[in-house]
N, C-alpha and C. Protein backbone atom coordinates (compact mmCIF):
# COMPACT_ATOMS: atom_id res chain seq x y z
N MET A 1 -3.00 3.64 -25.60
CA MET A 1 -4.38 4.05 -25.44
C MET A 1 -4.48 5.48 -24.90
N THR A 2 -3.34 6.11 -24.65
CA THR A 2 -3.36 7.48 -24.15
C THR A 2 -4.06 8.38 -25.16
N GLY A 3 -5.04 9.13 -24.69
CA GLY A 3 -5.77 10.05 -25.54
C GLY A 3 -6.92 9.42 -26.30
N VAL A 4 -7.08 8.10 -26.22
CA VAL A 4 -8.16 7.42 -26.92
C VAL A 4 -9.45 7.59 -26.12
N SER A 5 -10.51 7.96 -26.80
CA SER A 5 -11.83 8.09 -26.18
C SER A 5 -12.54 6.74 -26.22
N PHE A 6 -12.97 6.27 -25.07
CA PHE A 6 -13.70 5.01 -25.03
C PHE A 6 -14.95 5.10 -25.89
N GLY A 7 -15.67 6.21 -25.76
CA GLY A 7 -16.90 6.38 -26.53
C GLY A 7 -16.69 6.29 -28.03
N LEU A 8 -15.58 6.83 -28.52
CA LEU A 8 -15.28 6.79 -29.94
C LEU A 8 -14.66 5.47 -30.38
N ALA A 9 -14.00 4.78 -29.45
CA ALA A 9 -13.24 3.58 -29.80
C ALA A 9 -13.96 2.27 -29.53
N LYS A 10 -14.99 2.29 -28.70
CA LYS A 10 -15.58 1.04 -28.21
C LYS A 10 -16.10 0.12 -29.32
N GLU A 11 -16.50 0.67 -30.45
CA GLU A 11 -16.94 -0.16 -31.58
C GLU A 11 -15.87 -0.22 -32.67
N ALA A 12 -15.33 0.94 -33.02
CA ALA A 12 -14.39 1.02 -34.14
C ALA A 12 -13.11 0.24 -33.88
N LEU A 13 -12.54 0.38 -32.68
CA LEU A 13 -11.25 -0.25 -32.42
C LEU A 13 -11.34 -1.77 -32.40
N PRO A 14 -12.30 -2.38 -31.67
CA PRO A 14 -12.39 -3.85 -31.72
C PRO A 14 -12.66 -4.36 -33.14
N ASN A 15 -13.57 -3.69 -33.86
CA ASN A 15 -13.88 -4.14 -35.22
C ASN A 15 -12.64 -4.11 -36.10
N PHE A 16 -11.87 -3.03 -36.00
CA PHE A 16 -10.65 -2.90 -36.81
C PHE A 16 -9.64 -3.98 -36.42
N CYS A 17 -9.47 -4.19 -35.12
CA CYS A 17 -8.54 -5.22 -34.65
C CYS A 17 -8.95 -6.60 -35.15
N PHE A 18 -10.25 -6.91 -35.08
CA PHE A 18 -10.73 -8.23 -35.52
C PHE A 18 -10.52 -8.40 -37.02
N GLU A 19 -10.68 -7.32 -37.77
CA GLU A 19 -10.44 -7.39 -39.22
C GLU A 19 -8.95 -7.58 -39.52
N LEU A 20 -8.10 -6.92 -38.73
CA LEU A 20 -6.66 -7.11 -38.93
C LEU A 20 -6.25 -8.56 -38.67
N MET A 21 -6.85 -9.16 -37.66
CA MET A 21 -6.50 -10.53 -37.30
C MET A 21 -7.07 -11.55 -38.28
N GLN A 22 -8.28 -11.35 -38.72
CA GLN A 22 -8.99 -12.22 -39.67
C GLN A 22 -9.20 -13.64 -39.17
N ASN A 23 -8.88 -13.92 -37.90
CA ASN A 23 -9.07 -15.28 -37.42
C ASN A 23 -9.72 -15.35 -36.04
N VAL A 24 -10.30 -14.24 -35.58
CA VAL A 24 -10.99 -14.26 -34.30
C VAL A 24 -12.38 -14.84 -34.54
N PRO A 25 -12.70 -15.95 -33.88
CA PRO A 25 -14.00 -16.60 -34.10
C PRO A 25 -15.16 -15.64 -33.79
N LEU A 26 -16.24 -15.79 -34.54
CA LEU A 26 -17.41 -14.93 -34.38
C LEU A 26 -17.95 -14.97 -32.96
N ALA A 27 -17.98 -16.14 -32.36
CA ALA A 27 -18.48 -16.27 -30.98
C ALA A 27 -17.63 -15.44 -30.01
N GLU A 28 -16.30 -15.44 -30.19
CA GLU A 28 -15.42 -14.66 -29.33
C GLU A 28 -15.63 -13.16 -29.56
N GLN A 29 -15.86 -12.77 -30.81
CA GLN A 29 -16.15 -11.37 -31.11
C GLN A 29 -17.45 -10.92 -30.44
N GLN A 30 -18.48 -11.76 -30.50
CA GLN A 30 -19.77 -11.43 -29.89
C GLN A 30 -19.63 -11.34 -28.36
N ASN A 31 -18.90 -12.26 -27.77
CA ASN A 31 -18.67 -12.23 -26.32
C ASN A 31 -17.90 -10.96 -25.94
N PHE A 32 -16.92 -10.60 -26.75
CA PHE A 32 -16.13 -9.40 -26.50
C PHE A 32 -17.03 -8.17 -26.51
N ARG A 33 -17.92 -8.09 -27.48
CA ARG A 33 -18.82 -6.94 -27.59
C ARG A 33 -19.76 -6.85 -26.37
N GLN A 34 -20.17 -7.98 -25.82
CA GLN A 34 -21.01 -7.96 -24.62
C GLN A 34 -20.23 -7.41 -23.43
N VAL A 35 -18.98 -7.81 -23.30
CA VAL A 35 -18.14 -7.32 -22.21
C VAL A 35 -17.90 -5.81 -22.36
N VAL A 36 -17.68 -5.37 -23.57
CA VAL A 36 -17.50 -3.93 -23.84
C VAL A 36 -18.79 -3.18 -23.51
N GLY A 37 -19.93 -3.76 -23.82
CA GLY A 37 -21.21 -3.15 -23.49
C GLY A 37 -21.38 -2.95 -21.99
N ALA A 38 -20.96 -3.95 -21.21
CA ALA A 38 -21.01 -3.84 -19.75
C ALA A 38 -20.04 -2.77 -19.27
N LEU A 39 -18.87 -2.73 -19.87
CA LEU A 39 -17.88 -1.71 -19.52
C LEU A 39 -18.43 -0.31 -19.80
N ALA A 40 -19.15 -0.17 -20.89
CA ALA A 40 -19.72 1.14 -21.26
C ALA A 40 -20.71 1.63 -20.20
N LEU A 41 -21.38 0.72 -19.52
CA LEU A 41 -22.37 1.09 -18.51
C LEU A 41 -21.77 1.37 -17.14
N SER A 42 -20.50 1.08 -16.98
CA SER A 42 -19.85 1.28 -15.67
C SER A 42 -19.67 2.76 -15.37
N ASP A 43 -19.41 3.06 -14.11
CA ASP A 43 -19.23 4.44 -13.66
C ASP A 43 -17.79 4.92 -13.77
N MET A 44 -16.92 4.14 -14.38
CA MET A 44 -15.52 4.54 -14.52
C MET A 44 -15.39 5.75 -15.43
N ARG A 45 -14.30 6.48 -15.24
CA ARG A 45 -13.99 7.59 -16.14
C ARG A 45 -13.73 7.04 -17.53
N ASP A 46 -13.98 7.87 -18.54
CA ASP A 46 -13.77 7.48 -19.93
C ASP A 46 -12.34 7.00 -20.16
N SER A 47 -11.38 7.69 -19.58
CA SER A 47 -9.98 7.32 -19.80
C SER A 47 -9.67 5.94 -19.21
N VAL A 48 -10.29 5.60 -18.09
CA VAL A 48 -10.07 4.29 -17.47
C VAL A 48 -10.77 3.21 -18.29
N LYS A 49 -11.94 3.53 -18.81
CA LYS A 49 -12.64 2.59 -19.69
C LYS A 49 -11.80 2.31 -20.93
N ALA A 50 -11.17 3.35 -21.48
CA ALA A 50 -10.33 3.19 -22.67
C ALA A 50 -9.14 2.27 -22.37
N LEU A 51 -8.54 2.44 -21.21
CA LEU A 51 -7.42 1.57 -20.83
C LEU A 51 -7.88 0.12 -20.69
N ASN A 52 -9.04 -0.08 -20.08
CA ASN A 52 -9.58 -1.43 -19.95
C ASN A 52 -9.88 -2.04 -21.30
N LEU A 53 -10.43 -1.25 -22.22
CA LEU A 53 -10.68 -1.72 -23.57
C LEU A 53 -9.38 -2.18 -24.22
N GLY A 54 -8.34 -1.38 -24.06
CA GLY A 54 -7.04 -1.74 -24.62
C GLY A 54 -6.49 -3.04 -24.05
N LEU A 55 -6.61 -3.21 -22.73
CA LEU A 55 -6.13 -4.45 -22.11
C LEU A 55 -6.92 -5.66 -22.60
N MET A 56 -8.23 -5.50 -22.70
CA MET A 56 -9.06 -6.62 -23.17
C MET A 56 -8.71 -6.97 -24.62
N LEU A 57 -8.50 -5.95 -25.44
CA LEU A 57 -8.13 -6.22 -26.84
C LEU A 57 -6.75 -6.87 -26.94
N MET A 58 -5.83 -6.42 -26.09
CA MET A 58 -4.49 -7.03 -26.12
C MET A 58 -4.56 -8.52 -25.81
N ASN A 59 -5.46 -8.91 -24.92
CA ASN A 59 -5.61 -10.33 -24.58
C ASN A 59 -6.13 -11.15 -25.76
N VAL A 60 -6.86 -10.51 -26.67
CA VAL A 60 -7.43 -11.22 -27.81
C VAL A 60 -6.53 -11.14 -29.04
N VAL A 61 -6.02 -9.94 -29.33
CA VAL A 61 -5.30 -9.75 -30.60
C VAL A 61 -3.80 -9.49 -30.44
N GLY A 62 -3.36 -9.20 -29.22
CA GLY A 62 -1.94 -8.95 -28.98
C GLY A 62 -1.60 -7.46 -29.05
N LYS A 63 -0.46 -7.13 -28.46
CA LYS A 63 -0.03 -5.73 -28.36
C LYS A 63 0.26 -5.11 -29.72
N GLN A 64 0.91 -5.85 -30.60
CA GLN A 64 1.29 -5.30 -31.90
C GLN A 64 0.07 -4.94 -32.75
N VAL A 65 -0.93 -5.82 -32.78
CA VAL A 65 -2.14 -5.54 -33.55
C VAL A 65 -2.87 -4.34 -32.95
N LEU A 66 -2.97 -4.30 -31.62
CA LEU A 66 -3.63 -3.18 -30.96
C LEU A 66 -2.91 -1.87 -31.29
N SER A 67 -1.59 -1.86 -31.18
CA SER A 67 -0.82 -0.64 -31.48
C SER A 67 -1.02 -0.20 -32.92
N THR A 68 -1.01 -1.15 -33.83
CA THR A 68 -1.23 -0.85 -35.25
C THR A 68 -2.61 -0.24 -35.46
N ALA A 69 -3.62 -0.82 -34.82
CA ALA A 69 -4.99 -0.33 -34.98
C ALA A 69 -5.16 1.07 -34.39
N VAL A 70 -4.58 1.30 -33.22
CA VAL A 70 -4.69 2.63 -32.59
C VAL A 70 -4.02 3.67 -33.48
N ARG A 71 -2.83 3.36 -34.00
CA ARG A 71 -2.14 4.30 -34.89
C ARG A 71 -2.94 4.54 -36.17
N ALA A 72 -3.51 3.48 -36.73
CA ALA A 72 -4.25 3.62 -38.00
C ALA A 72 -5.53 4.44 -37.82
N LEU A 73 -6.22 4.23 -36.72
CA LEU A 73 -7.47 4.96 -36.50
C LEU A 73 -7.20 6.38 -35.99
N GLY A 74 -6.08 6.56 -35.31
CA GLY A 74 -5.60 7.88 -34.89
C GLY A 74 -6.66 8.83 -34.39
N VAL A 75 -6.78 9.96 -35.08
CA VAL A 75 -7.67 11.03 -34.63
C VAL A 75 -9.14 10.63 -34.66
N GLN A 76 -9.47 9.56 -35.36
CA GLN A 76 -10.86 9.13 -35.41
C GLN A 76 -11.34 8.58 -34.07
N ILE A 77 -10.41 8.10 -33.23
CA ILE A 77 -10.79 7.58 -31.92
C ILE A 77 -10.21 8.40 -30.78
N GLN A 78 -9.53 9.48 -31.12
CA GLN A 78 -8.94 10.35 -30.11
C GLN A 78 -10.02 11.27 -29.57
N GLY A 79 -10.08 11.37 -28.26
CA GLY A 79 -11.02 12.29 -27.65
C GLY A 79 -10.33 13.58 -27.27
N PRO A 80 -11.09 14.66 -27.19
CA PRO A 80 -10.49 15.92 -26.76
C PRO A 80 -10.17 15.88 -25.27
N SER A 81 -9.16 16.60 -24.88
CA SER A 81 -8.88 16.73 -23.46
C SER A 81 -10.01 17.53 -22.85
N ALA A 82 -10.45 17.09 -21.71
CA ALA A 82 -11.54 17.78 -21.02
C ALA A 82 -11.28 17.75 -19.53
N LEU A 83 -11.57 18.86 -18.89
CA LEU A 83 -11.41 18.91 -17.45
C LEU A 83 -12.52 18.12 -16.79
N GLU A 84 -12.19 17.43 -15.71
CA GLU A 84 -13.19 16.72 -14.93
C GLU A 84 -14.13 17.74 -14.30
N LEU A 85 -15.40 17.39 -14.14
CA LEU A 85 -16.38 18.33 -13.59
C LEU A 85 -15.98 18.92 -12.24
N PRO A 86 -15.46 18.12 -11.30
CA PRO A 86 -15.05 18.73 -10.03
C PRO A 86 -13.96 19.79 -10.21
N VAL A 87 -13.08 19.59 -11.18
CA VAL A 87 -12.02 20.55 -11.44
C VAL A 87 -12.62 21.86 -11.93
N ILE A 88 -13.58 21.77 -12.83
CA ILE A 88 -14.21 22.97 -13.39
C ILE A 88 -14.82 23.80 -12.26
N GLY A 89 -15.51 23.15 -11.35
CA GLY A 89 -16.10 23.86 -10.23
C GLY A 89 -15.07 24.54 -9.35
N LEU A 90 -13.95 23.87 -9.12
CA LEU A 90 -12.91 24.43 -8.25
C LEU A 90 -12.13 25.56 -8.91
N LEU A 91 -12.20 25.66 -10.23
CA LEU A 91 -11.45 26.70 -10.94
C LEU A 91 -12.15 28.05 -10.95
N ARG A 92 -13.42 28.07 -10.57
CA ARG A 92 -14.16 29.33 -10.59
C ARG A 92 -13.49 30.34 -9.66
N GLY A 93 -13.20 31.50 -10.20
CA GLY A 93 -12.60 32.56 -9.42
C GLY A 93 -11.09 32.48 -9.29
N VAL A 94 -10.45 31.43 -9.83
CA VAL A 94 -8.99 31.30 -9.73
C VAL A 94 -8.33 32.34 -10.64
N VAL A 95 -7.33 33.01 -10.11
CA VAL A 95 -6.57 34.01 -10.86
C VAL A 95 -5.25 33.36 -11.29
N PHE A 96 -4.97 33.43 -12.59
CA PHE A 96 -3.79 32.77 -13.13
C PHE A 96 -2.51 33.21 -12.42
N GLU A 97 -2.34 34.49 -12.20
CA GLU A 97 -1.12 35.01 -11.58
C GLU A 97 -0.92 34.45 -10.17
N LYS A 98 -2.01 34.09 -9.49
CA LYS A 98 -1.90 33.49 -8.16
C LYS A 98 -1.71 31.97 -8.25
N ALA A 99 -2.23 31.38 -9.31
CA ALA A 99 -2.16 29.92 -9.47
C ALA A 99 -0.80 29.45 -9.99
N PHE A 100 -0.18 30.27 -10.83
CA PHE A 100 1.11 29.87 -11.39
C PHE A 100 2.20 30.71 -10.75
N PRO A 101 3.14 30.10 -10.09
CA PRO A 101 3.55 28.70 -10.09
C PRO A 101 3.09 27.88 -8.87
N VAL A 102 2.35 28.47 -7.93
CA VAL A 102 2.01 27.77 -6.69
C VAL A 102 1.28 26.46 -6.95
N LEU A 103 0.25 26.49 -7.80
CA LEU A 103 -0.53 25.29 -8.09
C LEU A 103 0.33 24.21 -8.72
N VAL A 104 1.23 24.61 -9.59
CA VAL A 104 2.15 23.65 -10.22
C VAL A 104 3.03 22.99 -9.16
N ASN A 105 3.60 23.79 -8.28
CA ASN A 105 4.47 23.24 -7.23
C ASN A 105 3.73 22.27 -6.33
N VAL A 106 2.49 22.58 -5.97
CA VAL A 106 1.72 21.70 -5.10
C VAL A 106 1.39 20.40 -5.83
N CYS A 107 1.01 20.47 -7.09
CA CYS A 107 0.73 19.25 -7.86
C CYS A 107 1.98 18.38 -7.97
N ILE A 108 3.11 18.99 -8.22
CA ILE A 108 4.37 18.24 -8.31
C ILE A 108 4.66 17.56 -6.98
N ALA A 109 4.48 18.27 -5.89
CA ALA A 109 4.75 17.70 -4.57
C ALA A 109 3.79 16.56 -4.25
N MET A 110 2.56 16.64 -4.71
CA MET A 110 1.56 15.61 -4.42
C MET A 110 1.67 14.39 -5.32
N SER A 111 2.28 14.52 -6.48
CA SER A 111 2.33 13.42 -7.45
C SER A 111 3.74 12.87 -7.57
N ARG A 112 3.90 11.65 -7.16
CA ARG A 112 5.23 11.03 -7.23
C ARG A 112 5.20 9.63 -7.83
N TYR A 113 4.32 9.39 -8.80
CA TYR A 113 4.30 8.07 -9.42
C TYR A 113 5.22 8.05 -10.63
N GLY A 114 5.65 6.88 -10.99
CA GLY A 114 6.51 6.72 -12.16
C GLY A 114 7.97 6.93 -11.82
N SER A 115 8.80 6.72 -12.81
CA SER A 115 10.23 6.88 -12.63
C SER A 115 10.60 8.34 -12.49
N VAL A 116 11.81 8.59 -12.05
CA VAL A 116 12.30 9.97 -11.92
C VAL A 116 12.28 10.65 -13.28
N THR A 117 12.61 9.93 -14.33
CA THR A 117 12.61 10.48 -15.68
C THR A 117 11.19 10.87 -16.09
N ASP A 118 10.21 9.99 -15.80
CA ASP A 118 8.81 10.31 -16.12
C ASP A 118 8.34 11.54 -15.35
N GLN A 119 8.69 11.61 -14.07
CA GLN A 119 8.30 12.76 -13.26
C GLN A 119 8.87 14.04 -13.83
N LYS A 120 10.13 14.00 -14.20
CA LYS A 120 10.81 15.18 -14.75
C LYS A 120 10.15 15.61 -16.06
N ALA A 121 9.79 14.66 -16.91
CA ALA A 121 9.14 14.99 -18.18
C ALA A 121 7.79 15.65 -17.94
N ARG A 122 7.01 15.15 -16.97
CA ARG A 122 5.72 15.77 -16.65
C ARG A 122 5.92 17.19 -16.12
N GLU A 123 6.88 17.34 -15.22
CA GLU A 123 7.16 18.67 -14.66
C GLU A 123 7.58 19.65 -15.76
N ASP A 124 8.48 19.23 -16.63
CA ASP A 124 8.95 20.10 -17.72
C ASP A 124 7.79 20.51 -18.63
N SER A 125 6.89 19.57 -18.90
CA SER A 125 5.74 19.86 -19.75
C SER A 125 4.87 20.96 -19.14
N VAL A 126 4.58 20.83 -17.85
CA VAL A 126 3.72 21.81 -17.18
C VAL A 126 4.43 23.15 -17.05
N TRP A 127 5.72 23.14 -16.68
CA TRP A 127 6.45 24.41 -16.57
C TRP A 127 6.49 25.12 -17.92
N GLY A 128 6.66 24.37 -19.00
CA GLY A 128 6.67 24.98 -20.33
C GLY A 128 5.34 25.63 -20.66
N THR A 129 4.25 24.92 -20.37
CA THR A 129 2.92 25.48 -20.62
C THR A 129 2.70 26.74 -19.79
N GLY A 130 2.98 26.66 -18.50
CA GLY A 130 2.80 27.83 -17.64
C GLY A 130 3.65 29.01 -18.06
N GLY A 131 4.86 28.73 -18.48
CA GLY A 131 5.77 29.79 -18.91
C GLY A 131 5.24 30.56 -20.10
N TRP A 132 4.77 29.85 -21.12
CA TRP A 132 4.27 30.59 -22.28
C TRP A 132 2.95 31.27 -21.97
N LEU A 133 2.14 30.67 -21.07
CA LEU A 133 0.90 31.34 -20.68
C LEU A 133 1.18 32.66 -19.96
N ARG A 134 2.20 32.64 -19.10
CA ARG A 134 2.56 33.84 -18.34
C ARG A 134 2.95 34.98 -19.30
N LYS A 135 3.61 34.64 -20.40
CA LYS A 135 4.10 35.65 -21.34
C LYS A 135 3.03 36.12 -22.33
N ASP A 136 1.96 35.33 -22.50
CA ASP A 136 0.94 35.64 -23.51
C ASP A 136 -0.07 36.64 -22.97
N ASP A 137 -0.03 37.87 -23.49
CA ASP A 137 -0.95 38.92 -23.06
C ASP A 137 -2.25 38.91 -23.84
N THR A 138 -2.39 38.04 -24.83
CA THR A 138 -3.60 38.03 -25.64
C THR A 138 -4.70 37.16 -25.04
N LEU A 139 -4.36 36.30 -24.10
CA LEU A 139 -5.35 35.40 -23.51
C LEU A 139 -5.92 35.99 -22.23
N ASP A 140 -7.22 35.77 -22.01
CA ASP A 140 -7.83 36.26 -20.78
C ASP A 140 -7.54 35.29 -19.63
N ASN A 141 -7.86 35.69 -18.43
CA ASN A 141 -7.56 34.91 -17.24
C ASN A 141 -8.20 33.51 -17.30
N ALA A 142 -9.47 33.44 -17.66
CA ALA A 142 -10.18 32.16 -17.68
C ALA A 142 -9.53 31.17 -18.65
N THR A 143 -9.10 31.66 -19.79
CA THR A 143 -8.44 30.79 -20.78
C THR A 143 -7.11 30.29 -20.24
N LYS A 144 -6.33 31.18 -19.64
CA LYS A 144 -5.04 30.78 -19.08
C LYS A 144 -5.23 29.73 -17.97
N VAL A 145 -6.19 29.96 -17.10
CA VAL A 145 -6.44 29.02 -16.00
C VAL A 145 -6.88 27.67 -16.55
N THR A 146 -7.74 27.69 -17.56
CA THR A 146 -8.21 26.44 -18.17
C THR A 146 -7.07 25.66 -18.80
N ILE A 147 -6.21 26.34 -19.56
CA ILE A 147 -5.08 25.66 -20.21
C ILE A 147 -4.11 25.11 -19.17
N LEU A 148 -3.83 25.88 -18.13
CA LEU A 148 -2.95 25.39 -17.07
C LEU A 148 -3.56 24.18 -16.39
N ALA A 149 -4.85 24.23 -16.10
CA ALA A 149 -5.52 23.11 -15.45
C ALA A 149 -5.51 21.86 -16.33
N LEU A 150 -5.72 22.03 -17.63
CA LEU A 150 -5.64 20.89 -18.55
C LEU A 150 -4.25 20.26 -18.52
N ALA A 151 -3.22 21.08 -18.55
CA ALA A 151 -1.85 20.58 -18.51
C ALA A 151 -1.58 19.84 -17.19
N LEU A 152 -2.06 20.40 -16.09
CA LEU A 152 -1.85 19.75 -14.79
C LEU A 152 -2.63 18.44 -14.71
N GLN A 153 -3.88 18.44 -15.18
CA GLN A 153 -4.67 17.21 -15.14
C GLN A 153 -4.08 16.12 -16.01
N GLN A 154 -3.61 16.49 -17.21
CA GLN A 154 -3.02 15.51 -18.13
C GLN A 154 -1.73 14.92 -17.57
N ASN A 155 -0.96 15.73 -16.86
CA ASN A 155 0.34 15.28 -16.39
C ASN A 155 0.32 14.66 -15.00
N PHE A 156 -0.61 15.09 -14.15
CA PHE A 156 -0.63 14.61 -12.77
C PHE A 156 -1.92 13.92 -12.37
N GLY A 157 -2.94 14.01 -13.21
CA GLY A 157 -4.21 13.37 -12.92
C GLY A 157 -5.19 14.31 -12.24
N ALA A 158 -6.47 14.01 -12.44
CA ALA A 158 -7.53 14.85 -11.89
C ALA A 158 -7.53 14.83 -10.37
N SER A 159 -7.27 13.68 -9.76
CA SER A 159 -7.34 13.60 -8.30
C SER A 159 -6.26 14.46 -7.64
N VAL A 160 -5.08 14.50 -8.21
CA VAL A 160 -4.01 15.35 -7.68
C VAL A 160 -4.38 16.81 -7.85
N LEU A 161 -4.88 17.18 -9.03
CA LEU A 161 -5.25 18.57 -9.28
C LEU A 161 -6.38 19.00 -8.33
N ILE A 162 -7.36 18.15 -8.16
CA ILE A 162 -8.48 18.47 -7.25
C ILE A 162 -7.96 18.66 -5.84
N SER A 163 -7.10 17.75 -5.38
CA SER A 163 -6.54 17.88 -4.03
C SER A 163 -5.76 19.17 -3.86
N ALA A 164 -4.97 19.52 -4.87
CA ALA A 164 -4.19 20.76 -4.81
C ALA A 164 -5.10 21.98 -4.78
N LEU A 165 -6.13 21.98 -5.60
CA LEU A 165 -7.06 23.12 -5.61
C LEU A 165 -7.79 23.26 -4.27
N VAL A 166 -8.18 22.14 -3.70
CA VAL A 166 -8.85 22.18 -2.39
C VAL A 166 -7.89 22.70 -1.32
N GLN A 167 -6.65 22.24 -1.36
CA GLN A 167 -5.65 22.69 -0.38
C GLN A 167 -5.40 24.19 -0.47
N LEU A 168 -5.34 24.69 -1.68
CA LEU A 168 -4.98 26.10 -1.89
C LEU A 168 -6.17 27.05 -1.83
N ASP A 169 -7.38 26.52 -1.92
CA ASP A 169 -8.56 27.38 -1.87
C ASP A 169 -8.63 28.07 -0.53
N PRO A 170 -8.88 29.31 -0.40
CA PRO A 170 -9.22 30.31 -1.41
C PRO A 170 -8.03 31.18 -1.82
N SER A 171 -6.81 30.75 -1.53
CA SER A 171 -5.66 31.62 -1.79
C SER A 171 -5.42 31.89 -3.27
N LEU A 172 -6.11 31.17 -4.16
CA LEU A 172 -5.92 31.37 -5.60
C LEU A 172 -6.95 32.31 -6.20
N SER A 173 -7.90 32.77 -5.41
CA SER A 173 -8.97 33.61 -5.96
C SER A 173 -8.63 35.09 -5.88
N ALA A 174 -9.39 35.86 -6.62
CA ALA A 174 -9.17 37.31 -6.66
C ALA A 174 -9.44 37.95 -5.31
N ALA A 175 -10.33 37.35 -4.53
CA ALA A 175 -10.71 37.94 -3.24
C ALA A 175 -9.66 37.71 -2.15
N SER A 176 -8.72 36.80 -2.38
CA SER A 176 -7.74 36.51 -1.34
C SER A 176 -6.76 37.67 -1.19
N GLU A 177 -6.36 37.88 0.03
CA GLU A 177 -5.40 38.94 0.33
C GLU A 177 -3.99 38.46 0.04
N PRO A 178 -3.12 39.32 -0.44
CA PRO A 178 -1.73 38.92 -0.61
C PRO A 178 -1.13 38.61 0.76
N ARG A 179 -0.21 37.66 0.78
CA ARG A 179 0.44 37.31 2.04
C ARG A 179 1.26 38.48 2.54
N GLN A 180 1.14 38.73 3.82
CA GLN A 180 1.89 39.83 4.40
C GLN A 180 3.08 39.27 5.17
N ALA A 181 4.08 40.07 5.26
CA ALA A 181 5.25 39.66 6.04
C ALA A 181 4.83 39.57 7.49
N ALA A 182 5.60 38.86 8.28
CA ALA A 182 5.30 38.71 9.69
C ALA A 182 5.21 40.10 10.33
N ALA A 183 4.30 40.22 11.27
CA ALA A 183 4.10 41.52 11.92
C ALA A 183 5.36 41.94 12.65
N GLU A 184 5.65 43.20 12.55
CA GLU A 184 6.83 43.72 13.23
C GLU A 184 6.48 43.94 14.69
N PRO A 185 7.44 43.73 15.57
CA PRO A 185 7.16 43.96 16.98
C PRO A 185 6.82 45.42 17.21
N ARG A 186 5.86 45.61 18.09
CA ARG A 186 5.45 46.98 18.40
C ARG A 186 6.45 47.64 19.34
N ALA A 187 6.68 48.90 19.08
CA ALA A 187 7.53 49.65 19.99
C ALA A 187 6.66 50.12 21.15
N GLU A 188 7.14 49.93 22.36
CA GLU A 188 6.33 50.34 23.51
C GLU A 188 6.94 51.51 24.19
């Protein structure tokens, strides 16, 4: 269900799964649609709603049918990556050269879920994105910051990115002063 938009999938995916199965009773399908309707009204993030939809469908049609349906519908139910609104607000004034690599390091330090292999894959993904952004002179600062933030949010989650931005604010903005070395003792 990674990358699946609940809004795009809430009708198409269950219908496709039920057609693949051909034996889900009409009453169960109608009950399922009511539960999905309630889920649609919840305050959960779209990505969490999509995961819940997938779990509910797995209980009715099984993992294999769900996987087949998600693959078959593909881009028709895939949503675009989008930054969470709090992230967008915190990115105002962030300078890419100040954010990379500091923001990446803080997100890595704050996020430790999954296996060591999973963590390493997420880290490599973000470092790769940041590396090519650093070398690309054709992109403006806002575009670079947005792409880096998308990579961080996708790999570490919005809550980790928000926490890191709050921790580092205002050191990532253009108005922040560069860190100075410790003051030298005065000669008397």
